[in-house]
Amino acid sequence: MVPFAGWHMAVQYAGVKQEHEAVRTAAGLFDVSHMGEIELRGAGCLQLVDTIITNRVSKLVDGQALYTCACNEEGTILDDLIIYRHAEEHILVVCNASNRDKITSHFRTQLEQLDADCEMEDASDRTALLALQGPKAFEILATFGEAGSKLSELGPFRLTQTDLAGVPCTIARTGYTGEDGVEIFCPSDRAAELWREILTHGHDFGLQPCGLAARDTLRLEARLSLYGNDIDETTNPIEAGLGWVVKLKDRSFIGRDALAKIRSDGPSRKLVGFEMVGRGIARHDYPLLDASGQAIGHCTSGSPAPTLGKSIGLGYVPLSHSEIGSALLVDCRGRQIEAVVVQTPFYKRESQS
C-alpha cells in the first residue's frame, strides 16, 4: 500500500507480473475509486462541457462516452477526461485524482462565466469506481444473472444502468488496460461489498485483484497516456499523439486558437514509443540522446513489458528523430543504452489487430 493523490492505495496484491498476466489472459479487478467524478445536470450542461473540452460532447447520443482533453488558453493539457452522457441534461465527467480540485474549480469558473443553466456537483466522495478488465470479464458478469448477461451487448464507450448483486451501478465499456472490459460506478458505501462479490464470481475464471503497478504496465503496453508523466500543462494534445480528440471545425473552446496554430504550423516534437535494444530499463525523466550522445528529449514513462518480454518507453523527441526505426540512446543513470523508435501501441489484443 502507498499514498497516492491523497489516497491509500494498493500497488500490488500477488505481484505485478501475475496480475498483469491475469488481465491479458483472464481478468483483473481494479479499485480506481480515487478518480474524480463531476456530475452536471440541466439544460446548459452540454454547452458548458463543449466550451471546456477539445472533443464534442454534443455529438454523443444518450448512453455514450468519449475520451478528450481539457486545455488552457495556450493549448496545453489541464487533464485528460472521459465524458459520459447519461442524457442531454445529465453529464458525468471523470478526471484524474491528482487533478480533481483543479478540474472541479475549472468547471465551476466556466459555469459562472457562462451563467449556464446547469447544476454541478463534485460527486467523487460518494462514488466508487471498479474496473473489471480482461478477455473473461463478460463471462464473469454473466454469472450475475440476466442483467449481467446483457452487458456483453454493450458497445465500446457505451454505458447503462443496472444492478449487480443488488448494488445499483452505472456500467461503461471503457478501461485503461488495452483489454476489453467495463468500469463500474457504484455508491462508495457499497463498493467493498461489490468488490467481494465480483472476486467471488470470478474465482473460477482466474480473476485476480490488481494494483496500481499492473495498471501502469498494462496501460503503457497499450500506449495510453498517464497524466503527470506523458501529458501535463507543458504538453499539447497534438504533440502527444492525441490530435484525434481535437475537433476544431465550427466551434469554440478554451485553447482552440492555440491548437489551431499548432496544427497548422506542425508540432516541433512528438511523443514516441521506443524499445530498449541494450540491457536496461528506461524510467520517467531519464534523458533521451541521439546517436552521438547529444540530449534531445526525455523519457516520460518506461518499464519492462511483461506481455512482450522486453523493456519499453515513451518520450518526447524532435520530429527529426521520431520516425519508426530511429536510433536513440537512453541515459540510464550514466549508462547510455541503445533503443529504437517503434510503432505504437506496443500491444494490441487480437480483436483489435
Protein backbone atom coordinates (compact mmCIF):
# COMPACT_ATOMS: atom_id res chain seq x y z
CA MET A 1 0.00 0.00 0.00
CA VAL A 2 1.20 3.51 -0.82
CA PRO A 3 -0.10 7.08 -0.58
CA PHE A 4 -1.35 8.27 -3.98
CA ALA A 5 -3.08 11.61 -4.66
CA GLY A 6 -4.42 11.70 -1.11
CA TRP A 7 -5.49 8.05 -1.15
CA HIS A 8 -4.02 4.93 0.45
CA MET A 9 -3.83 2.52 -2.47
CA ALA A 10 -2.69 -0.98 -3.33
CA VAL A 11 0.40 -1.13 -5.55
CA GLN A 12 0.16 -4.91 -5.83
CA TYR A 13 -1.58 -7.94 -4.39
CA ALA A 14 0.07 -11.18 -5.59
CA GLY A 15 2.69 -9.40 -7.72
CA VAL A 16 2.87 -7.19 -10.78
CA LYS A 17 3.67 -9.88 -13.36
CA GLN A 18 0.98 -12.25 -12.09
CA GLU A 19 -1.66 -9.50 -12.06
CA HIS A 20 -0.59 -8.21 -15.48
CA GLU A 21 -0.81 -11.70 -16.98
CA ALA A 22 -4.22 -12.29 -15.40
CA VAL A 23 -5.63 -9.22 -17.18
CA ARG A 24 -4.14 -10.27 -20.52
CA THR A 25 -5.31 -13.90 -20.30
CA ALA A 26 -8.30 -13.96 -17.92
CA ALA A 27 -9.42 -10.94 -15.90
CA GLY A 28 -8.33 -8.44 -13.29
CA LEU A 29 -10.29 -6.28 -10.86
CA PHE A 30 -9.02 -2.78 -10.02
CA ASP A 31 -10.26 -0.38 -7.36
CA VAL A 32 -9.92 3.01 -9.06
CA SER A 33 -12.19 4.92 -6.72
CA HIS A 34 -9.52 7.63 -6.47
CA MET A 35 -10.70 9.01 -9.83
CA GLY A 36 -12.73 12.22 -9.65
CA GLU A 37 -16.37 12.38 -10.73
CA ILE A 38 -18.23 15.61 -11.55
CA GLU A 39 -21.99 15.42 -12.11
CA LEU A 40 -23.61 18.06 -14.32
CA ARG A 41 -27.37 18.43 -14.65
CA GLY A 42 -29.50 20.95 -16.51
CA ALA A 43 -30.27 22.30 -19.95
CA GLY A 44 -26.91 24.09 -20.17
CA CYS A 45 -24.56 21.23 -19.31
CA LEU A 46 -23.78 20.26 -22.93
CA GLN A 47 -22.86 23.87 -23.73
CA LEU A 48 -20.66 24.06 -20.63
CA VAL A 49 -18.73 20.88 -21.40
CA ASP A 50 -18.24 21.74 -25.08
CA THR A 51 -16.74 25.08 -24.05
CA ILE A 52 -14.13 23.27 -21.94
CA ILE A 53 -13.12 20.14 -23.86
CA THR A 54 -11.32 19.60 -27.16
CA ASN A 55 -13.76 16.93 -28.35
CA ARG A 56 -17.53 17.32 -28.91
CA VAL A 57 -19.89 16.00 -26.24
CA SER A 58 -22.87 17.47 -28.18
CA LYS A 59 -22.27 14.82 -30.86
CA LEU A 60 -22.83 11.99 -28.40
CA VAL A 61 -26.12 10.15 -28.07
CA ASP A 62 -27.58 9.25 -24.68
CA GLY A 63 -25.67 6.34 -23.19
CA GLN A 64 -22.41 7.13 -25.00
CA ALA A 65 -18.99 8.28 -23.74
CA LEU A 66 -15.87 9.83 -25.22
CA TYR A 67 -12.23 10.46 -24.38
CA THR A 68 -10.98 14.05 -24.53
CA CYS A 69 -8.68 16.70 -23.09
CA ALA A 70 -9.35 19.94 -21.23
CA CYS A 71 -6.80 22.58 -22.19
CA ASN A 72 -5.86 26.08 -21.10
CA GLU A 73 -5.74 29.07 -23.47
CA GLU A 74 -2.19 28.11 -24.50
CA GLY A 75 -3.46 24.74 -25.70
CA THR A 76 -1.62 22.68 -23.09
CA ILE A 77 -3.38 19.93 -21.16
CA LEU A 78 -5.06 20.57 -17.82
CA ASP A 79 -6.27 16.95 -17.75
CA ASP A 80 -7.46 14.10 -19.91
CA LEU A 81 -11.07 13.15 -19.23
CA ILE A 82 -13.79 10.67 -20.08
CA ILE A 83 -17.19 12.29 -20.56
CA TYR A 84 -20.28 10.11 -20.07
CA ARG A 85 -23.60 11.31 -21.47
CA HIS A 86 -26.44 9.81 -19.44
CA ALA A 87 -28.94 12.19 -21.07
CA GLU A 88 -28.99 15.61 -22.71
CA GLU A 89 -29.31 17.21 -19.27
CA HIS A 90 -27.13 14.78 -17.31
CA ILE A 91 -23.37 14.51 -17.94
CA LEU A 92 -20.70 12.73 -15.89
CA VAL A 93 -17.09 13.95 -16.14
CA VAL A 94 -14.33 11.63 -14.88
CA CYS A 95 -10.96 13.24 -14.18
CA ASN A 96 -7.66 12.11 -12.69
CA ALA A 97 -7.38 12.03 -8.91
CA SER A 98 -4.41 14.41 -8.81
CA ASN A 99 -6.40 16.94 -10.85
CA ARG A 100 -9.72 16.68 -9.04
CA ASP A 101 -9.53 20.07 -7.32
CA LYS A 102 -8.09 21.80 -10.39
CA ILE A 103 -10.71 20.42 -12.80
CA THR A 104 -13.62 20.99 -10.41
CA SER A 105 -12.52 24.60 -9.98
CA HIS A 106 -12.02 24.98 -13.74
CA PHE A 107 -15.55 23.73 -14.50
CA ARG A 108 -17.02 25.90 -11.76
CA THR A 109 -15.27 29.01 -13.09
CA GLN A 110 -16.52 28.38 -16.61
CA LEU A 111 -20.02 27.70 -15.30
CA GLU A 112 -20.05 31.07 -13.53
CA GLN A 113 -18.74 32.87 -16.62
CA LEU A 114 -21.25 31.26 -18.96
CA ASP A 115 -24.09 31.57 -16.45
CA ALA A 116 -25.37 28.33 -17.95
CA ASP A 117 -28.50 26.53 -16.73
CA CYS A 118 -26.50 23.79 -15.06
CA GLU A 119 -26.08 22.39 -11.57
CA MET A 120 -22.66 21.00 -10.75
CA GLU A 121 -21.62 18.54 -8.03
CA ASP A 122 -18.28 17.04 -7.16
CA ALA A 123 -19.62 13.51 -6.61
CA SER A 124 -16.21 11.90 -6.08
CA ASP A 125 -16.59 11.09 -2.39
CA ARG A 126 -19.93 9.36 -2.79
CA THR A 127 -18.90 7.49 -5.93
CA ALA A 128 -16.67 4.42 -6.14
CA LEU A 129 -15.24 3.04 -9.37
CA LEU A 130 -14.21 -0.56 -10.00
CA ALA A 131 -12.65 -1.74 -13.27
CA LEU A 132 -13.16 -5.34 -14.42
CA GLN A 133 -10.80 -5.89 -17.34
CA GLY A 134 -9.71 -8.83 -19.45
CA PRO A 135 -10.94 -11.38 -22.01
CA LYS A 136 -13.12 -13.19 -19.45
CA ALA A 137 -14.71 -10.03 -17.98
CA PHE A 138 -18.08 -10.58 -19.65
CA GLU A 139 -18.16 -14.29 -18.76
CA ILE A 140 -17.78 -13.23 -15.13
CA LEU A 141 -20.51 -10.60 -15.45
CA ALA A 142 -22.84 -13.22 -16.96
CA THR A 143 -22.75 -15.14 -13.67
CA PHE A 144 -24.69 -12.25 -12.08
CA GLY A 145 -27.87 -13.28 -13.92
CA GLU A 146 -29.83 -11.73 -16.75
CA ALA A 147 -28.65 -8.15 -16.11
CA GLY A 148 -25.03 -9.29 -16.18
CA SER A 149 -25.53 -11.40 -19.30
CA LYS A 150 -26.86 -8.41 -21.25
CA LEU A 151 -23.72 -6.37 -20.56
CA SER A 152 -21.85 -8.19 -23.36
CA GLU A 153 -24.22 -6.41 -25.78
CA LEU A 154 -22.92 -3.03 -24.62
CA GLY A 155 -20.87 -1.35 -27.35
CA PRO A 156 -17.45 0.24 -26.79
CA PHE A 157 -17.71 3.57 -24.96
CA ARG A 158 -21.38 2.89 -24.16
CA LEU A 159 -22.93 2.89 -20.71
CA THR A 160 -26.00 1.54 -18.98
CA GLN A 161 -27.53 1.43 -15.52
CA THR A 162 -28.28 -1.84 -13.80
CA ASP A 163 -27.93 -3.70 -10.50
CA LEU A 164 -25.11 -6.15 -9.78
CA ALA A 165 -25.58 -8.31 -6.69
CA GLY A 166 -28.26 -5.85 -5.55
CA VAL A 167 -25.91 -2.84 -5.85
CA PRO A 168 -27.12 -0.03 -8.17
CA CYS A 169 -24.42 0.61 -10.78
CA THR A 170 -23.61 2.59 -13.88
CA ILE A 171 -21.53 0.32 -16.10
CA ALA A 172 -19.46 1.55 -19.06
CA ARG A 173 -17.48 -0.43 -21.61
CA THR A 174 -14.34 1.59 -21.02
CA GLY A 175 -10.96 0.87 -19.46
CA TYR A 176 -7.26 1.67 -19.17
CA THR A 177 -5.55 -1.66 -19.87
CA GLY A 178 -5.76 -2.37 -23.60
CA GLU A 179 -8.19 -5.21 -22.88
CA ASP A 180 -11.96 -5.44 -23.18
CA GLY A 181 -13.98 -4.95 -20.03
CA VAL A 182 -16.03 -2.50 -18.02
CA GLU A 183 -15.75 0.24 -15.45
CA ILE A 184 -18.41 0.11 -12.74
CA PHE A 185 -19.61 3.20 -10.86
CA CYS A 186 -21.43 2.47 -7.60
CA PRO A 187 -22.18 4.15 -4.26
CA SER A 188 -18.97 4.32 -2.24
CA ASP A 189 -20.63 2.75 0.80
CA ARG A 190 -21.42 -0.37 -1.27
CA ALA A 191 -18.06 -0.68 -3.04
CA ALA A 192 -16.38 -3.18 -0.70
CA GLU A 193 -19.46 -5.40 -0.87
CA LEU A 194 -19.48 -5.33 -4.68
CA TRP A 195 -15.70 -5.86 -4.84
CA ARG A 196 -16.00 -9.07 -2.81
CA GLU A 197 -18.95 -10.30 -4.89
CA ILE A 198 -17.09 -9.80 -8.17
CA LEU A 199 -13.98 -11.58 -6.84
CA THR A 200 -16.15 -14.49 -5.68
CA HIS A 201 -17.96 -14.73 -9.02
CA GLY A 202 -14.67 -14.53 -10.92
CA HIS A 203 -12.67 -17.02 -8.87
CA ASP A 204 -13.18 -19.97 -11.24
CA PHE A 205 -12.33 -17.78 -14.24
CA GLY A 206 -8.89 -16.82 -12.92
CA LEU A 207 -9.87 -13.32 -11.79
CA GLN A 208 -7.16 -11.54 -9.79
CA PRO A 209 -7.33 -8.32 -7.74
CA CYS A 210 -4.87 -5.88 -9.31
CA GLY A 211 -3.00 -2.83 -8.07
CA LEU A 212 -1.54 0.40 -9.41
CA ALA A 213 1.68 -1.20 -10.67
CA ALA A 214 -0.04 -3.64 -13.03
CA ARG A 215 -2.38 -0.88 -14.16
CA ASP A 216 0.69 1.11 -15.18
CA THR A 217 2.40 -1.69 -17.13
CA LEU A 218 -0.87 -2.60 -18.87
CA ARG A 219 -1.66 0.96 -19.94
CA LEU A 220 1.92 1.53 -21.11
CA GLU A 221 1.83 -1.56 -23.36
CA ALA A 222 -1.42 -0.17 -24.81
CA ARG A 223 0.23 3.28 -25.18
CA LEU A 224 -2.38 5.02 -23.04
CA SER A 225 -1.17 8.34 -21.67
CA LEU A 226 -0.64 8.94 -17.96
CA TYR A 227 -1.24 12.48 -16.71
CA GLY A 228 1.77 13.86 -14.89
CA ASN A 229 4.10 11.68 -16.98
CA ASP A 230 3.24 11.69 -20.69
CA ILE A 231 0.90 14.68 -20.65
CA ASP A 232 0.61 17.75 -18.42
CA GLU A 233 0.45 21.54 -18.63
CA THR A 234 3.72 21.64 -20.59
CA THR A 235 2.40 19.40 -23.40
CA ASN A 236 -0.33 19.78 -26.00
CA PRO A 237 -2.60 17.07 -27.43
CA ILE A 238 -1.17 17.26 -30.94
CA GLU A 239 2.46 16.56 -30.00
CA ALA A 240 1.23 13.93 -27.51
CA GLY A 241 -0.46 11.92 -30.26
CA LEU A 242 -3.93 12.94 -29.11
CA GLY A 243 -4.76 15.17 -32.07
CA TRP A 244 -7.70 12.86 -32.85
CA VAL A 245 -9.58 14.27 -29.83
CA VAL A 246 -9.13 17.86 -31.02
CA LYS A 247 -12.19 18.92 -33.06
CA LEU A 248 -11.63 22.45 -34.38
CA LYS A 249 -14.31 22.83 -37.05
CA ASP A 250 -17.24 25.22 -36.47
CA ARG A 251 -16.79 25.57 -32.73
CA SER A 252 -15.10 27.48 -29.96
CA PHE A 253 -13.49 26.06 -26.83
CA ILE A 254 -10.72 27.02 -24.42
CA GLY A 255 -7.39 26.67 -26.21
CA ARG A 256 -8.88 26.35 -29.70
CA ASP A 257 -6.88 29.15 -31.33
CA ALA A 258 -3.60 27.92 -29.89
CA LEU A 259 -4.29 24.36 -31.03
CA ALA A 260 -5.36 25.53 -34.49
CA LYS A 261 -1.98 27.27 -34.84
CA ILE A 262 -0.06 24.22 -33.62
CA ARG A 263 -1.95 22.02 -36.06
CA SER A 264 -1.32 24.48 -38.91
CA ASP A 265 2.39 25.01 -38.15
CA GLY A 266 3.03 21.44 -37.06
CA PRO A 267 4.49 20.45 -33.67
CA SER A 268 8.23 20.72 -33.05
CA ARG A 269 8.41 17.44 -31.14
CA LYS A 270 6.45 14.22 -30.80
CA LEU A 271 5.71 11.63 -28.12
CA VAL A 272 7.12 8.37 -29.46
CA GLY A 273 7.28 4.80 -28.29
CA PHE A 274 10.62 3.02 -28.12
CA GLU A 275 12.02 -0.39 -27.27
CA MET A 276 15.27 -0.92 -25.41
CA VAL A 277 17.81 -2.70 -27.62
CA GLY A 278 20.51 -2.93 -24.98
CA ARG A 279 20.12 -4.23 -21.43
CA GLY A 280 18.49 -1.52 -19.36
CA ILE A 281 15.16 -0.10 -18.25
CA ALA A 282 14.08 3.41 -19.23
CA ARG A 283 12.44 5.27 -16.36
CA HIS A 284 10.50 8.51 -16.04
CA ASP A 285 12.71 11.57 -16.69
CA TYR A 286 15.72 9.61 -18.00
CA PRO A 287 17.37 11.70 -20.77
CA LEU A 288 16.96 10.57 -24.38
CA LEU A 289 20.00 11.12 -26.59
CA ASP A 290 20.74 10.96 -30.29
CA ALA A 291 23.32 8.54 -31.70
CA SER A 292 26.15 10.98 -30.94
CA GLY A 293 25.14 11.26 -27.28
CA GLN A 294 23.50 14.68 -27.55
CA ALA A 295 20.44 15.17 -25.30
CA ILE A 296 17.28 15.56 -27.42
CA GLY A 297 14.42 14.75 -25.05
CA HIS A 298 13.34 12.74 -22.03
CA CYS A 299 11.53 9.54 -21.17
CA THR A 300 8.03 10.16 -19.82
CA SER A 301 7.10 6.53 -19.00
CA GLY A 302 9.11 3.34 -19.06
CA SER A 303 9.15 -0.17 -17.65
CA PRO A 304 9.56 -3.82 -18.54
CA ALA A 305 6.59 -5.01 -20.63
CA PRO A 306 5.54 -8.42 -19.25
CA THR A 307 3.47 -9.37 -22.31
CA LEU A 308 6.26 -8.51 -24.73
CA GLY A 309 9.26 -9.73 -22.76
CA LYS A 310 11.22 -6.52 -23.35
CA SER A 311 11.58 -3.05 -21.87
CA ILE A 312 9.65 -0.18 -23.48
CA GLY A 313 9.13 3.52 -23.00
CA LEU A 314 7.52 6.73 -24.19
CA GLY A 315 9.27 10.04 -24.63
CA TYR A 316 9.30 13.35 -26.40
CA VAL A 317 11.85 13.79 -29.20
CA PRO A 318 12.25 16.27 -32.08
CA LEU A 319 10.41 15.36 -35.28
CA SER A 320 13.78 14.57 -36.88
CA HIS A 321 14.15 11.61 -34.50
CA SER A 322 10.52 10.48 -34.39
CA GLU A 323 10.35 8.18 -37.42
CA ILE A 324 9.89 4.44 -36.85
CA GLY A 325 13.33 2.85 -36.73
CA SER A 326 15.12 5.97 -35.46
CA ALA A 327 18.01 5.11 -33.16
CA LEU A 328 18.09 6.59 -29.66
CA LEU A 329 20.24 6.28 -26.58
CA VAL A 330 18.71 6.28 -23.10
CA ASP A 331 20.83 7.67 -20.29
CA CYS A 332 20.18 5.09 -17.58
CA ARG A 333 21.97 6.64 -14.62
CA GLY A 334 25.10 7.39 -16.60
CA ARG A 335 24.99 4.35 -18.89
CA GLN A 336 23.98 5.05 -22.50
CA ILE A 337 21.73 2.18 -23.57
CA GLU A 338 20.63 1.70 -27.18
CA ALA A 339 16.93 1.98 -28.05
CA VAL A 340 14.84 2.26 -31.21
CA VAL A 341 11.61 4.09 -32.03
CA VAL A 342 8.80 1.60 -32.77
CA GLN A 343 5.17 1.59 -33.84
CA THR A 344 2.64 2.00 -31.04
CA PRO A 345 0.58 0.73 -29.34
CA PHE A 346 3.19 -1.77 -28.29
CA TYR A 347 0.42 -4.32 -27.64
CA LYS A 348 -2.98 -4.87 -29.27
CA ARG A 349 -5.42 -7.55 -28.23
CA GLU A 350 -6.33 -9.94 -31.06
CA SER A 351 -9.75 -8.43 -31.79
CA GLN A 352 -8.01 -5.07 -32.38
CA SER A 353 -5.36 -6.41 -34.76
